């Protein structure tokens, strides 16, 4: 496993709230997140830093 850290100095954590997604994108996001959790790519966290999801299609449309 690779771990990554970013030195933020004494900057306070930034917490952005989730944005609402259209139903089709919400279902796709849920599927992708489940797949990444199942494969050990990401894990649930309760840290003070948070940012909304950004879904971007690849050039091949996937």
Protein backbone atom coordinates (compact mmCIF):
# COMPACT_ATOMS: atom_id res chain seq x y z
CA UNK A 1 0.00 0.00 0.00
CA UNK A 2 1.17 3.52 -0.75
CA UNK A 3 0.52 6.30 1.71
CA UNK A 4 0.66 9.99 0.90
CA UNK A 5 0.86 13.01 3.17
CA UNK A 6 0.62 16.72 2.49
CA UNK A 7 2.18 19.17 4.94
CA UNK A 8 -0.46 21.86 5.48
CA UNK A 9 1.50 23.67 8.15
CA UNK A 10 -0.84 25.21 10.68
CA UNK A 11 -3.66 25.78 8.16
CA UNK A 12 -7.04 24.81 9.62
CA UNK A 13 -8.85 21.92 7.86
CA UNK A 14 -11.15 22.77 4.97
CA UNK A 15 -14.50 20.99 4.96
CA UNK A 16 -16.71 21.34 1.90
CA UNK A 17 -20.14 19.77 1.96
CA UNK A 18 -21.29 17.30 -0.72
CA UNK A 19 -23.16 18.64 -3.73
CA UNK A 20 -26.35 17.00 -4.92
CA UNK A 21 -25.87 14.75 -7.92
CA UNK A 22 -28.46 13.85 -10.57
CA UNK A 23 -29.84 10.34 -10.00
CA UNK A 24 -27.86 8.77 -12.88
CA UNK A 25 -24.59 10.25 -11.63
CA UNK A 26 -25.44 9.36 -8.02
CA UNK A 27 -25.91 5.70 -8.98
CA UNK A 28 -22.64 5.70 -10.98
CA UNK A 29 -20.77 7.39 -8.10
CA UNK A 30 -22.11 4.81 -5.65
CA UNK A 31 -21.02 1.96 -7.92
CA UNK A 32 -17.53 3.45 -8.38
CA UNK A 33 -17.05 4.11 -4.66
CA UNK A 34 -18.17 0.57 -3.76
CA UNK A 35 -15.78 -0.86 -6.35
CA UNK A 36 -12.86 1.18 -4.98
CA UNK A 37 -13.67 0.22 -1.37
CA UNK A 38 -13.97 -3.46 -2.34
CA UNK A 39 -10.57 -3.29 -4.10
CA UNK A 40 -8.88 -1.56 -1.16
CA UNK A 41 -8.19 1.61 -3.16
CA UNK A 42 -10.08 3.87 -0.76
CA UNK A 43 -11.38 3.48 2.78
CA UNK A 44 -13.98 5.16 4.94
CA UNK A 45 -12.66 8.12 6.87
CA UNK A 46 -13.93 10.56 9.47
CA UNK A 47 -11.10 13.09 9.24
CA UNK A 48 -11.62 16.86 9.43
CA UNK A 49 -10.78 17.43 5.73
CA UNK A 50 -13.56 16.87 3.16
CA UNK A 51 -14.25 17.72 -0.47
CA UNK A 52 -17.18 16.86 -2.77
CA UNK A 53 -16.85 14.18 -5.42
CA UNK A 54 -16.01 15.21 -9.01
CA UNK A 55 -17.05 12.75 -11.72
CA UNK A 56 -15.17 13.19 -15.02
CA UNK A 57 -15.61 10.89 -18.01
CA UNK A 58 -12.53 9.61 -19.80
CA UNK A 59 -11.97 10.45 -23.49
CA UNK A 60 -13.18 6.95 -24.38
CA UNK A 61 -16.50 7.68 -22.61
CA UNK A 62 -15.95 5.31 -19.70
